[in-house]
Amino acid sequence: MNRRTLLALSLLPLTAQVAAAQPPAALSARDRADIARVETYLGAMRTLKARFLQVGPDGSTTQGTAWIQRPGRMRFEYDPPTPLLLVASHGEGIFQDKQLGQVSHFPLSSTPLGILLADRITLSGDVTVVGVDRQPGQLQVALIRTKSPGDGSLTLIFADNPLALRQWTVVDAQQNETRVSLFNMELGGTFDPKLFEFTLPTNPGGVPRGG
């Protein structure tokens, strides 16, 4: 696994190589109340723009700008010299490595972040909460897709009182952890639809690049 792959682990689909699915947590009344607060908060978060700092399993870091527009649209644009771009819309994610001239397509439903892009976010049914953890001023909620735990686990980390999304962590089947922290976050507003569209670049000879 090379460094560029590690940089994008929290956004791309995780392989279905889970030896044993993480069992659901036994939720207390307090857990259920906090989960309801998280659902309400995420449901109201229709658009988001933020700077992000990503830390891969090998400790490598990269930064960029993220745009999320529910339902189903996101753009993660990495700062130079990192040659990566992730765009999602119309149920599909597109990952581009500009330096290698490679473009990959994948169903958005197979990504951990796809949970956050649903039109209606419900942390039950298709999504299973496998843990709720509280630290001073912080609330963490760990999630898996109920029918496909091999997609990986997603832990959402919120500042509390008031509730605000600050970070998420993805853990793969080998317990490799990728962490994305958000800062300078702006909620609400409208974005240019072109942000979420991907046009394959052409080389000077006019032939599309990538594959």
N, C-alpha and C. Protein backbone atom coordinates (compact mmCIF):
# COMPACT_ATOMS: atom_id res chain seq x y z
N MET A 1 0.85 -1.19 0.00
CA MET A 1 0.00 0.00 0.00
C MET A 1 0.89 1.24 0.00
N ASN A 2 0.73 2.12 -1.00
CA ASN A 2 1.59 3.28 -1.05
C ASN A 2 0.99 4.46 -0.30
N ARG A 3 1.77 5.52 -0.18
CA ARG A 3 1.37 6.66 0.66
C ARG A 3 0.12 7.32 0.12
N ARG A 4 -0.02 7.41 -1.20
CA ARG A 4 -1.20 8.07 -1.76
C ARG A 4 -2.46 7.30 -1.43
N THR A 5 -2.37 5.97 -1.46
CA THR A 5 -3.53 5.17 -1.09
C THR A 5 -3.92 5.44 0.34
N LEU A 6 -2.93 5.52 1.22
CA LEU A 6 -3.21 5.78 2.63
C LEU A 6 -3.89 7.12 2.83
N LEU A 7 -3.52 8.12 2.05
CA LEU A 7 -4.09 9.45 2.22
C LEU A 7 -5.59 9.46 1.99
N ALA A 8 -6.07 8.58 1.13
CA ALA A 8 -7.49 8.62 0.75
C ALA A 8 -8.32 7.52 1.41
N LEU A 9 -7.75 6.78 2.36
CA LEU A 9 -8.46 5.64 2.93
C LEU A 9 -9.78 6.02 3.58
N SER A 10 -9.85 7.20 4.16
CA SER A 10 -11.08 7.55 4.87
C SER A 10 -12.22 7.90 3.93
N LEU A 11 -11.94 8.02 2.65
CA LEU A 11 -12.96 8.44 1.70
C LEU A 11 -13.34 7.34 0.73
N LEU A 12 -12.39 6.48 0.39
CA LEU A 12 -12.64 5.44 -0.58
C LEU A 12 -13.27 4.21 0.07
N PRO A 13 -13.87 3.29 -0.75
CA PRO A 13 -14.45 2.09 -0.17
C PRO A 13 -13.38 1.25 0.50
N LEU A 14 -13.73 0.63 1.62
CA LEU A 14 -12.84 -0.30 2.27
C LEU A 14 -13.18 -1.71 1.83
N THR A 15 -12.17 -2.55 1.69
CA THR A 15 -12.39 -3.90 1.19
C THR A 15 -13.15 -4.74 2.21
N ALA A 16 -13.96 -5.65 1.70
CA ALA A 16 -14.78 -6.49 2.57
C ALA A 16 -13.97 -7.69 3.03
N GLN A 17 -13.00 -7.44 3.92
CA GLN A 17 -12.11 -8.49 4.40
C GLN A 17 -12.19 -8.62 5.91
N VAL A 18 -13.35 -8.28 6.48
CA VAL A 18 -13.50 -8.33 7.93
C VAL A 18 -13.63 -9.77 8.38
N ALA A 19 -12.75 -10.19 9.26
CA ALA A 19 -12.79 -11.56 9.74
C ALA A 19 -14.00 -11.78 10.66
N ALA A 20 -14.30 -10.78 11.47
CA ALA A 20 -15.44 -10.88 12.38
C ALA A 20 -16.03 -9.49 12.53
N ALA A 21 -17.32 -9.35 12.24
CA ALA A 21 -17.96 -8.05 12.33
C ALA A 21 -17.99 -7.58 13.78
N GLN A 22 -17.84 -6.27 13.96
CA GLN A 22 -17.92 -5.71 15.30
C GLN A 22 -19.35 -5.83 15.81
N PRO A 23 -19.56 -6.42 16.99
CA PRO A 23 -20.93 -6.62 17.46
C PRO A 23 -21.58 -5.31 17.86
N PRO A 24 -22.90 -5.21 17.70
CA PRO A 24 -23.60 -4.01 18.13
C PRO A 24 -23.45 -3.79 19.63
N ALA A 25 -23.44 -2.54 20.01
CA ALA A 25 -23.34 -2.22 21.43
C ALA A 25 -24.71 -2.36 22.08
N ALA A 26 -24.69 -2.63 23.37
CA ALA A 26 -25.93 -2.59 24.16
C ALA A 26 -26.15 -1.13 24.55
N LEU A 27 -27.16 -0.52 23.96
CA LEU A 27 -27.35 0.92 24.12
C LEU A 27 -28.18 1.23 25.36
N SER A 28 -27.70 2.18 26.12
CA SER A 28 -28.44 2.65 27.30
C SER A 28 -29.43 3.73 26.88
N ALA A 29 -30.27 4.13 27.79
CA ALA A 29 -31.20 5.22 27.52
C ALA A 29 -30.44 6.51 27.21
N ARG A 30 -29.33 6.72 27.92
CA ARG A 30 -28.51 7.91 27.64
C ARG A 30 -27.89 7.83 26.25
N ASP A 31 -27.44 6.62 25.87
CA ASP A 31 -26.90 6.44 24.52
C ASP A 31 -27.95 6.80 23.47
N ARG A 32 -29.14 6.27 23.63
CA ARG A 32 -30.20 6.52 22.65
C ARG A 32 -30.54 8.00 22.57
N ALA A 33 -30.50 8.69 23.70
CA ALA A 33 -30.77 10.13 23.69
C ALA A 33 -29.68 10.88 22.94
N ASP A 34 -28.42 10.49 23.14
CA ASP A 34 -27.32 11.14 22.43
C ASP A 34 -27.36 10.83 20.93
N ILE A 35 -27.73 9.60 20.59
CA ILE A 35 -27.85 9.24 19.17
C ILE A 35 -28.94 10.08 18.52
N ALA A 36 -30.05 10.29 19.22
CA ALA A 36 -31.12 11.14 18.68
C ALA A 36 -30.63 12.56 18.46
N ARG A 37 -29.81 13.07 19.37
CA ARG A 37 -29.24 14.42 19.20
C ARG A 37 -28.35 14.48 17.97
N VAL A 38 -27.55 13.42 17.78
CA VAL A 38 -26.65 13.37 16.62
C VAL A 38 -27.47 13.32 15.33
N GLU A 39 -28.52 12.51 15.30
CA GLU A 39 -29.38 12.45 14.12
C GLU A 39 -29.97 13.82 13.79
N THR A 40 -30.44 14.51 14.79
CA THR A 40 -31.02 15.83 14.57
C THR A 40 -29.97 16.80 14.03
N TYR A 41 -28.80 16.78 14.61
CA TYR A 41 -27.72 17.66 14.16
C TYR A 41 -27.33 17.36 12.71
N LEU A 42 -27.09 16.08 12.41
CA LEU A 42 -26.68 15.72 11.05
C LEU A 42 -27.80 15.99 10.05
N GLY A 43 -29.04 15.78 10.47
CA GLY A 43 -30.16 16.02 9.57
C GLY A 43 -30.27 17.48 9.17
N ALA A 44 -29.87 18.37 10.06
CA ALA A 44 -29.93 19.80 9.76
C ALA A 44 -28.72 20.28 8.98
N MET A 45 -27.70 19.45 8.87
CA MET A 45 -26.46 19.84 8.20
C MET A 45 -26.55 19.50 6.71
N ARG A 46 -27.17 20.39 5.95
CA ARG A 46 -27.37 20.13 4.53
C ARG A 46 -26.14 20.46 3.70
N THR A 47 -25.41 21.50 4.07
CA THR A 47 -24.19 21.85 3.36
C THR A 47 -23.09 22.17 4.37
N LEU A 48 -21.87 21.87 3.97
CA LEU A 48 -20.71 22.07 4.84
C LEU A 48 -19.51 22.38 3.98
N LYS A 49 -18.74 23.36 4.39
CA LYS A 49 -17.43 23.64 3.80
C LYS A 49 -16.43 23.74 4.94
N ALA A 50 -15.28 23.11 4.78
CA ALA A 50 -14.29 23.14 5.86
C ALA A 50 -12.91 22.85 5.30
N ARG A 51 -11.92 23.31 6.00
CA ARG A 51 -10.56 22.82 5.80
C ARG A 51 -10.44 21.49 6.53
N PHE A 52 -9.61 20.58 6.00
CA PHE A 52 -9.42 19.31 6.69
C PHE A 52 -7.94 18.98 6.80
N LEU A 53 -7.63 18.23 7.85
CA LEU A 53 -6.30 17.66 8.07
C LEU A 53 -6.48 16.16 8.19
N GLN A 54 -5.81 15.42 7.33
CA GLN A 54 -5.96 13.97 7.30
C GLN A 54 -4.66 13.31 7.75
N VAL A 55 -4.78 12.35 8.66
CA VAL A 55 -3.64 11.59 9.17
C VAL A 55 -3.85 10.13 8.80
N GLY A 56 -2.94 9.58 8.01
CA GLY A 56 -3.04 8.19 7.59
C GLY A 56 -2.49 7.23 8.61
N PRO A 57 -2.68 5.93 8.38
CA PRO A 57 -2.19 4.91 9.33
C PRO A 57 -0.69 4.95 9.53
N ASP A 58 0.04 5.45 8.53
CA ASP A 58 1.49 5.53 8.64
C ASP A 58 1.96 6.84 9.26
N GLY A 59 1.00 7.66 9.70
CA GLY A 59 1.34 8.94 10.30
C GLY A 59 1.49 10.08 9.31
N SER A 60 1.38 9.79 8.02
CA SER A 60 1.50 10.83 7.01
C SER A 60 0.31 11.78 7.11
N THR A 61 0.55 13.06 6.83
CA THR A 61 -0.51 14.06 6.93
C THR A 61 -0.66 14.80 5.61
N THR A 62 -1.86 15.25 5.36
CA THR A 62 -2.14 16.09 4.21
C THR A 62 -3.33 16.97 4.55
N GLN A 63 -3.47 18.07 3.82
CA GLN A 63 -4.55 19.01 4.08
C GLN A 63 -5.29 19.33 2.78
N GLY A 64 -6.42 19.95 2.94
CA GLY A 64 -7.19 20.35 1.78
C GLY A 64 -8.48 21.03 2.19
N THR A 65 -9.38 21.16 1.22
CA THR A 65 -10.69 21.78 1.45
C THR A 65 -11.77 20.78 1.09
N ALA A 66 -12.80 20.68 1.94
CA ALA A 66 -13.90 19.76 1.72
C ALA A 66 -15.20 20.53 1.56
N TRP A 67 -16.02 20.05 0.63
CA TRP A 67 -17.39 20.55 0.46
C TRP A 67 -18.31 19.34 0.54
N ILE A 68 -19.37 19.44 1.31
CA ILE A 68 -20.38 18.39 1.38
C ILE A 68 -21.74 19.04 1.18
N GLN A 69 -22.52 18.43 0.30
CA GLN A 69 -23.89 18.90 0.09
C GLN A 69 -24.79 17.68 0.02
N ARG A 70 -25.67 17.56 0.99
CA ARG A 70 -26.60 16.45 1.00
C ARG A 70 -27.85 16.79 0.18
N PRO A 71 -28.38 15.78 -0.49
CA PRO A 71 -27.91 14.40 -0.50
C PRO A 71 -26.86 14.13 -1.58
N GLY A 72 -25.89 13.31 -1.22
CA GLY A 72 -25.05 12.63 -2.19
C GLY A 72 -23.93 13.37 -2.87
N ARG A 73 -23.56 14.57 -2.41
CA ARG A 73 -22.51 15.29 -3.12
C ARG A 73 -21.37 15.67 -2.16
N MET A 74 -20.16 15.48 -2.64
CA MET A 74 -19.01 15.92 -1.86
C MET A 74 -17.81 16.14 -2.78
N ARG A 75 -16.89 16.95 -2.29
CA ARG A 75 -15.64 17.20 -3.00
C ARG A 75 -14.54 17.37 -1.95
N PHE A 76 -13.49 16.58 -2.08
CA PHE A 76 -12.31 16.71 -1.23
C PHE A 76 -11.13 17.03 -2.15
N GLU A 77 -10.69 18.27 -2.04
CA GLU A 77 -9.61 18.77 -2.89
C GLU A 77 -8.36 18.95 -2.03
N TYR A 78 -7.35 18.15 -2.32
CA TYR A 78 -6.12 18.17 -1.53
C TYR A 78 -5.21 19.30 -2.00
N ASP A 79 -4.54 19.91 -1.02
CA ASP A 79 -3.60 20.98 -1.34
C ASP A 79 -2.38 20.43 -2.07
N PRO A 80 -1.81 21.20 -3.02
CA PRO A 80 -0.54 20.82 -3.61
C PRO A 80 0.53 20.71 -2.51
N PRO A 81 1.49 19.80 -2.65
CA PRO A 81 1.76 19.02 -3.85
C PRO A 81 1.01 17.69 -3.93
N THR A 82 0.10 17.41 -2.98
CA THR A 82 -0.65 16.16 -3.04
C THR A 82 -1.57 16.17 -4.26
N PRO A 83 -1.42 15.21 -5.18
CA PRO A 83 -2.13 15.28 -6.46
C PRO A 83 -3.47 14.55 -6.46
N LEU A 84 -4.22 14.64 -5.36
CA LEU A 84 -5.44 13.85 -5.22
C LEU A 84 -6.69 14.72 -5.25
N LEU A 85 -7.76 14.14 -5.78
CA LEU A 85 -9.07 14.80 -5.81
C LEU A 85 -10.14 13.73 -5.69
N LEU A 86 -11.13 13.99 -4.87
CA LEU A 86 -12.27 13.10 -4.75
C LEU A 86 -13.54 13.91 -4.97
N VAL A 87 -14.38 13.45 -5.91
CA VAL A 87 -15.64 14.12 -6.22
C VAL A 87 -16.74 13.06 -6.19
N ALA A 88 -17.90 13.42 -5.67
CA ALA A 88 -19.01 12.48 -5.64
C ALA A 88 -20.32 13.19 -5.97
N SER A 89 -21.11 12.54 -6.82
CA SER A 89 -22.47 12.98 -7.13
C SER A 89 -23.14 11.87 -7.93
N HIS A 90 -24.46 11.95 -8.03
CA HIS A 90 -25.23 10.98 -8.83
C HIS A 90 -24.95 9.54 -8.40
N GLY A 91 -24.71 9.34 -7.09
CA GLY A 91 -24.52 7.99 -6.57
C GLY A 91 -23.15 7.39 -6.84
N GLU A 92 -22.24 8.17 -7.39
CA GLU A 92 -20.93 7.64 -7.75
C GLU A 92 -19.82 8.53 -7.20
N GLY A 93 -18.75 7.91 -6.73
CA GLY A 93 -17.57 8.62 -6.33
C GLY A 93 -16.49 8.47 -7.39
N ILE A 94 -15.69 9.51 -7.56
CA ILE A 94 -14.59 9.49 -8.53
C ILE A 94 -13.33 9.96 -7.82
N PHE A 95 -12.30 9.14 -7.86
CA PHE A 95 -11.03 9.44 -7.21
C PHE A 95 -9.97 9.61 -8.29
N GLN A 96 -9.29 10.75 -8.26
CA GLN A 96 -8.30 11.06 -9.29
C GLN A 96 -6.92 11.26 -8.65
N ASP A 97 -5.92 10.60 -9.23
CA ASP A 97 -4.52 10.90 -8.93
C ASP A 97 -3.97 11.63 -10.14
N LYS A 98 -3.83 12.94 -10.01
CA LYS A 98 -3.46 13.76 -11.15
C LYS A 98 -2.05 13.45 -11.65
N GLN A 99 -1.17 13.14 -10.72
CA GLN A 99 0.21 12.89 -11.13
C GLN A 99 0.35 11.61 -11.93
N LEU A 100 -0.37 10.56 -11.51
CA LEU A 100 -0.31 9.29 -12.22
C LEU A 100 -1.28 9.23 -13.40
N GLY A 101 -2.17 10.22 -13.50
CA GLY A 101 -3.15 10.20 -14.57
C GLY A 101 -4.16 9.08 -14.43
N GLN A 102 -4.47 8.70 -13.18
CA GLN A 102 -5.39 7.59 -12.92
C GLN A 102 -6.70 8.11 -12.34
N VAL A 103 -7.80 7.51 -12.78
CA VAL A 103 -9.13 7.87 -12.30
C VAL A 103 -9.87 6.58 -11.95
N SER A 104 -10.44 6.53 -10.74
CA SER A 104 -11.18 5.35 -10.30
C SER A 104 -12.61 5.74 -9.98
N HIS A 105 -13.55 4.87 -10.34
CA HIS A 105 -14.97 5.09 -10.06
C HIS A 105 -15.45 4.04 -9.06
N PHE A 106 -16.35 4.43 -8.15
CA PHE A 106 -16.87 3.48 -7.17
C PHE A 106 -18.24 3.95 -6.73
N PRO A 107 -19.11 3.01 -6.31
CA PRO A 107 -20.43 3.41 -5.81
C PRO A 107 -20.31 4.12 -4.48
N LEU A 108 -21.00 5.24 -4.36
CA LEU A 108 -20.93 6.03 -3.13
C LEU A 108 -21.45 5.24 -1.94
N SER A 109 -22.37 4.33 -2.20
CA SER A 109 -22.96 3.54 -1.11
C SER A 109 -21.94 2.61 -0.46
N SER A 110 -20.79 2.40 -1.09
CA SER A 110 -19.78 1.50 -0.53
C SER A 110 -18.75 2.22 0.33
N THR A 111 -18.89 3.53 0.51
CA THR A 111 -17.93 4.28 1.29
C THR A 111 -18.48 4.56 2.69
N PRO A 112 -17.60 4.58 3.69
CA PRO A 112 -18.08 4.95 5.03
C PRO A 112 -18.74 6.32 5.06
N LEU A 113 -18.19 7.29 4.31
CA LEU A 113 -18.77 8.63 4.33
C LEU A 113 -20.12 8.70 3.64
N GLY A 114 -20.45 7.66 2.86
CA GLY A 114 -21.76 7.64 2.25
C GLY A 114 -22.88 7.73 3.27
N ILE A 115 -22.59 7.27 4.51
CA ILE A 115 -23.58 7.36 5.59
C ILE A 115 -23.96 8.81 5.84
N LEU A 116 -22.99 9.72 5.74
CA LEU A 116 -23.24 11.13 6.01
C LEU A 116 -23.93 11.86 4.87
N LEU A 117 -23.97 11.23 3.69
CA LEU A 117 -24.48 11.91 2.51
C LEU A 117 -25.92 11.55 2.17
N ALA A 118 -26.52 10.70 3.00
CA ALA A 118 -27.90 10.29 2.74
C ALA A 118 -28.84 11.49 2.84
N ASP A 119 -29.96 11.41 2.13
CA ASP A 119 -30.95 12.49 2.19
C ASP A 119 -31.53 12.58 3.60
N ARG A 120 -31.77 11.43 4.18
CA ARG A 120 -32.28 11.38 5.56
C ARG A 120 -31.34 10.49 6.36
N ILE A 121 -30.68 11.06 7.33
CA ILE A 121 -29.71 10.32 8.12
C ILE A 121 -30.41 9.70 9.32
N THR A 122 -30.40 8.37 9.36
CA THR A 122 -31.00 7.61 10.46
C THR A 122 -29.97 6.62 10.96
N LEU A 123 -29.62 6.70 12.22
CA LEU A 123 -28.57 5.84 12.78
C LEU A 123 -29.17 4.56 13.36
N SER A 124 -29.98 3.91 12.53
CA SER A 124 -30.58 2.62 12.86
C SER A 124 -31.00 1.99 11.54
N GLY A 125 -31.45 0.75 11.58
CA GLY A 125 -31.87 0.10 10.35
C GLY A 125 -30.67 -0.24 9.49
N ASP A 126 -30.46 0.52 8.41
CA ASP A 126 -29.35 0.26 7.50
C ASP A 126 -28.00 0.56 8.14
N VAL A 127 -28.02 1.36 9.22
CA VAL A 127 -26.80 1.72 9.95
C VAL A 127 -26.93 1.19 11.37
N THR A 128 -25.85 0.61 11.89
CA THR A 128 -25.85 0.11 13.26
C THR A 128 -24.82 0.87 14.09
N VAL A 129 -25.26 1.39 15.23
CA VAL A 129 -24.35 2.03 16.17
C VAL A 129 -23.67 0.93 16.99
N VAL A 130 -22.35 0.88 16.93
CA VAL A 130 -21.61 -0.15 17.66
C VAL A 130 -20.90 0.40 18.88
N GLY A 131 -21.06 1.68 19.15
CA GLY A 131 -20.45 2.23 20.35
C GLY A 131 -20.76 3.71 20.52
N VAL A 132 -20.97 4.13 21.74
CA VAL A 132 -21.11 5.54 22.10
C VAL A 132 -20.13 5.80 23.23
N ASP A 133 -19.28 6.80 23.06
CA ASP A 133 -18.26 7.10 24.07
C ASP A 133 -18.30 8.58 24.39
N ARG A 134 -18.13 8.89 25.64
CA ARG A 134 -18.15 10.29 26.09
C ARG A 134 -16.85 10.63 26.78
N GLN A 135 -16.29 11.76 26.40
CA GLN A 135 -15.15 12.35 27.06
C GLN A 135 -15.56 13.76 27.46
N PRO A 136 -14.82 14.40 28.36
CA PRO A 136 -15.18 15.78 28.71
C PRO A 136 -15.27 16.68 27.48
N GLY A 137 -16.47 17.21 27.24
CA GLY A 137 -16.68 18.10 26.10
C GLY A 137 -16.71 17.41 24.75
N GLN A 138 -16.81 16.08 24.74
CA GLN A 138 -16.73 15.35 23.46
C GLN A 138 -17.67 14.15 23.48
N LEU A 139 -18.25 13.87 22.31
CA LEU A 139 -19.13 12.71 22.12
C LEU A 139 -18.67 11.97 20.87
N GLN A 140 -18.51 10.63 20.98
CA GLN A 140 -18.10 9.81 19.85
C GLN A 140 -19.16 8.75 19.58
N VAL A 141 -19.49 8.57 18.30
CA VAL A 141 -20.47 7.56 17.90
C VAL A 141 -19.85 6.72 16.79
N ALA A 142 -19.72 5.41 17.03
CA ALA A 142 -19.12 4.50 16.07
C ALA A 142 -20.21 3.76 15.30
N LEU A 143 -20.06 3.69 13.97
CA LEU A 143 -21.10 3.17 13.09
C LEU A 143 -20.54 2.13 12.12
N ILE A 144 -21.41 1.19 11.72
CA ILE A 144 -21.13 0.31 10.59
C ILE A 144 -22.41 0.22 9.75
N ARG A 145 -22.26 -0.20 8.51
CA ARG A 145 -23.44 -0.52 7.71
C ARG A 145 -23.93 -1.90 8.14
N THR A 146 -25.21 -1.99 8.47
CA THR A 146 -25.76 -3.20 9.06
C THR A 146 -25.55 -4.43 8.18
N LYS A 147 -25.81 -4.30 6.89
CA LYS A 147 -25.74 -5.44 5.99
C LYS A 147 -24.35 -5.67 5.41
N SER A 148 -23.46 -4.70 5.57
CA SER A 148 -22.13 -4.86 4.97
C SER A 148 -21.06 -4.28 5.91
N PRO A 149 -20.86 -4.90 7.05
CA PRO A 149 -19.85 -4.39 7.98
C PRO A 149 -18.45 -4.37 7.38
N GLY A 150 -18.24 -5.16 6.33
CA GLY A 150 -16.95 -5.15 5.66
C GLY A 150 -16.62 -3.85 4.96
N ASP A 151 -17.60 -2.95 4.83
CA ASP A 151 -17.31 -1.64 4.27
C ASP A 151 -16.42 -0.81 5.19
N GLY A 152 -16.29 -1.24 6.44
CA GLY A 152 -15.46 -0.53 7.41
C GLY A 152 -16.31 0.17 8.45
N SER A 153 -15.67 0.63 9.50
CA SER A 153 -16.37 1.35 10.55
C SER A 153 -16.04 2.83 10.47
N LEU A 154 -17.00 3.63 10.85
CA LEU A 154 -16.87 5.08 10.85
C LEU A 154 -17.20 5.60 12.25
N THR A 155 -16.29 6.33 12.85
CA THR A 155 -16.54 6.94 14.15
C THR A 155 -16.63 8.45 13.97
N LEU A 156 -17.76 9.02 14.33
CA LEU A 156 -17.96 10.45 14.27
C LEU A 156 -17.64 11.05 15.63
N ILE A 157 -16.87 12.12 15.64
CA ILE A 157 -16.41 12.75 16.87
C ILE A 157 -16.93 14.18 16.90
N PHE A 158 -17.68 14.49 17.94
CA PHE A 158 -18.33 15.79 18.06
C PHE A 158 -17.80 16.52 19.29
N ALA A 159 -17.65 17.84 19.17
CA ALA A 159 -17.60 18.68 20.36
C ALA A 159 -19.02 18.70 20.93
N ASP A 160 -19.13 18.81 22.24
CA ASP A 160 -20.46 18.77 22.84
C ASP A 160 -20.75 20.06 23.60
N ASN A 161 -22.05 20.34 23.68
CA ASN A 161 -22.54 21.54 24.40
C ASN A 161 -21.93 22.84 23.87
N PRO A 162 -22.24 23.27 22.65
CA PRO A 162 -23.19 22.64 21.74
C PRO A 162 -22.54 21.57 20.87
N LEU A 163 -23.39 20.72 20.29
CA LEU A 163 -22.93 19.64 19.44
C LEU A 163 -22.38 20.19 18.13
N ALA A 164 -21.18 19.73 17.72
CA ALA A 164 -20.58 20.19 16.47
C ALA A 164 -19.61 19.13 15.97
N LEU A 165 -19.75 18.72 14.72
CA LEU A 165 -18.86 17.72 14.14
C LEU A 165 -17.44 18.28 14.03
N ARG A 166 -16.48 17.52 14.54
CA ARG A 166 -15.10 17.98 14.52
C ARG A 166 -14.15 17.02 13.82
N GLN A 167 -14.51 15.75 13.77
CA GLN A 167 -13.56 14.75 13.27
C GLN A 167 -14.30 13.46 12.96
N TRP A 168 -13.71 12.66 12.05
CA TRP A 168 -14.16 11.28 11.90
C TRP A 168 -12.94 10.39 11.74
N THR A 169 -13.14 9.13 12.09
CA THR A 169 -12.07 8.14 12.02
C THR A 169 -12.61 6.91 11.32
N VAL A 170 -11.84 6.37 10.38
CA VAL A 170 -12.17 5.13 9.70
C VAL A 170 -11.15 4.07 10.12
N VAL A 171 -11.63 2.89 10.49
CA VAL A 171 -10.75 1.77 10.84
C VAL A 171 -11.06 0.63 9.88
N ASP A 172 -10.01 0.08 9.24
CA ASP A 172 -10.22 -1.00 8.29
C ASP A 172 -10.08 -2.36 8.98
N ALA A 173 -10.14 -3.43 8.18
CA ALA A 173 -10.15 -4.78 8.73
C ALA A 173 -8.86 -5.13 9.46
N GLN A 174 -7.77 -4.50 9.09
CA GLN A 174 -6.49 -4.75 9.73
C GLN A 174 -6.21 -3.77 10.87
N GLN A 175 -7.26 -3.04 11.28
CA GLN A 175 -7.17 -2.07 12.37
C GLN A 175 -6.29 -0.87 12.02
N ASN A 176 -6.13 -0.60 10.73
CA ASN A 176 -5.46 0.63 10.30
C ASN A 176 -6.44 1.79 10.45
N GLU A 177 -5.98 2.85 11.05
CA GLU A 177 -6.85 3.98 11.35
C GLU A 177 -6.47 5.21 10.53
N THR A 178 -7.45 5.82 9.90
CA THR A 178 -7.27 7.08 9.20
C THR A 178 -8.18 8.12 9.83
N ARG A 179 -7.61 9.27 10.16
CA ARG A 179 -8.36 10.29 10.91
C ARG A 179 -8.43 11.58 10.10
N VAL A 180 -9.61 12.17 10.03
CA VAL A 180 -9.83 13.43 9.34
C VAL A 180 -10.40 14.43 10.34
N SER A 181 -9.70 15.54 10.54
CA SER A 181 -10.16 16.61 11.43
C SER A 181 -10.62 17.79 10.60
N LEU A 182 -11.70 18.42 11.03
CA LEU A 182 -12.28 19.57 10.33
C LEU A 182 -12.02 20.84 11.11
N PHE A 183 -11.73 21.92 10.39
CA PHE A 183 -11.59 23.22 11.04
C PHE A 183 -12.02 24.31 10.07
N ASN A 184 -12.24 25.52 10.60
CA ASN A 184 -12.80 26.62 9.80
C ASN A 184 -14.07 26.18 9.09
N MET A 185 -14.92 25.47 9.81
CA MET A 185 -16.12 24.88 9.21
C MET A 185 -17.22 25.92 9.04
N GLU A 186 -17.86 25.90 7.87
CA GLU A 186 -18.99 26.78 7.58
C GLU A 186 -20.19 25.91 7.21
N LEU A 187 -21.30 26.10 7.90
CA LEU A 187 -22.52 25.37 7.62
C LEU A 187 -23.51 26.27 6.90
N GLY A 188 -24.31 25.66 6.03
CA GLY A 188 -25.30 26.43 5.29
C GLY A 188 -24.70 27.05 4.04
N GLY A 189 -25.52 27.79 3.32
CA GLY A 189 -25.06 28.41 2.08
C GLY A 189 -25.30 27.51 0.89
N THR A 190 -24.92 27.98 -0.28
CA THR A 190 -25.08 27.25 -1.52
C THR A 190 -23.74 27.15 -2.23
N PHE A 191 -23.57 26.07 -3.00
CA PHE A 191 -22.34 25.83 -3.74
C PHE A 191 -22.64 25.76 -5.23
N ASP A 192 -21.65 26.09 -6.03
CA ASP A 192 -21.74 25.93 -7.47
C ASP A 192 -21.85 24.45 -7.78
N PRO A 193 -22.90 24.00 -8.50
CA PRO A 193 -23.04 22.57 -8.82
C PRO A 193 -21.83 21.98 -9.54
N LYS A 194 -21.06 22.83 -10.22
CA LYS A 194 -19.89 22.32 -10.94
C LYS A 194 -18.82 21.79 -10.00
N LEU A 195 -18.87 22.19 -8.72
CA LEU A 195 -17.91 21.67 -7.75
C LEU A 195 -17.96 20.15 -7.67
N PHE A 196 -19.15 19.59 -7.89
CA PHE A 196 -19.36 18.17 -7.67
C PHE A 196 -19.39 17.37 -8.97
N GLU A 197 -19.01 18.02 -10.06
CA GLU A 197 -18.92 17.33 -11.35
C GLU A 197 -17.45 17.10 -11.68
N PHE A 198 -17.18 15.98 -12.33
CA PHE A 198 -15.81 15.65 -12.70
C PHE A 198 -15.71 15.55 -14.21
N THR A 199 -14.76 16.29 -14.77
CA THR A 199 -14.47 16.22 -16.20
C THR A 199 -13.07 15.69 -16.38
N LEU A 200 -12.96 14.60 -17.09
CA LEU A 200 -11.65 13.98 -17.30
C LEU A 200 -10.78 14.93 -18.10
N PRO A 201 -9.60 15.28 -17.58
CA PRO A 201 -8.73 16.20 -18.32
C PRO A 201 -8.18 15.56 -19.58
N THR A 202 -7.73 16.38 -20.48
CA THR A 202 -7.10 15.90 -21.71
C THR A 202 -5.66 16.30 -21.72
N ASN A 203 -4.86 15.50 -22.40
CA ASN A 203 -3.46 15.86 -22.57
C ASN A 203 -3.32 16.82 -23.74
N PRO A 204 -2.16 17.37 -23.99
CA PRO A 204 -2.04 18.36 -25.07
C PRO A 204 -2.48 17.85 -26.43
N GLY A 205 -2.48 16.52 -26.62
CA GLY A 205 -2.91 15.99 -27.90
C GLY A 205 -4.40 15.80 -28.00
N GLY A 206 -5.12 16.13 -26.88
CA GLY A 206 -6.58 16.05 -26.92
C GLY A 206 -7.13 14.69 -26.60
N VAL A 207 -6.28 13.75 -26.15
CA VAL A 207 -6.73 12.41 -25.83
C VAL A 207 -6.98 12.33 -24.34
N PRO A 208 -8.16 11.87 -23.91
CA PRO A 208 -8.43 11.79 -22.47
C PRO A 208 -7.39 10.95 -21.77
N ARG A 209 -7.03 11.39 -20.54
CA ARG A 209 -6.10 10.65 -19.72
C ARG A 209 -6.84 9.90 -18.65
N GLY A 210 -6.15 8.91 -18.06
CA GLY A 210 -6.72 8.18 -16.95
C GLY A 210 -7.23 6.83 -17.39
N GLY A 211 -7.86 6.11 -16.48
CA GLY A 211 -8.38 4.79 -16.78
C GLY A 211 -9.00 4.15 -15.57
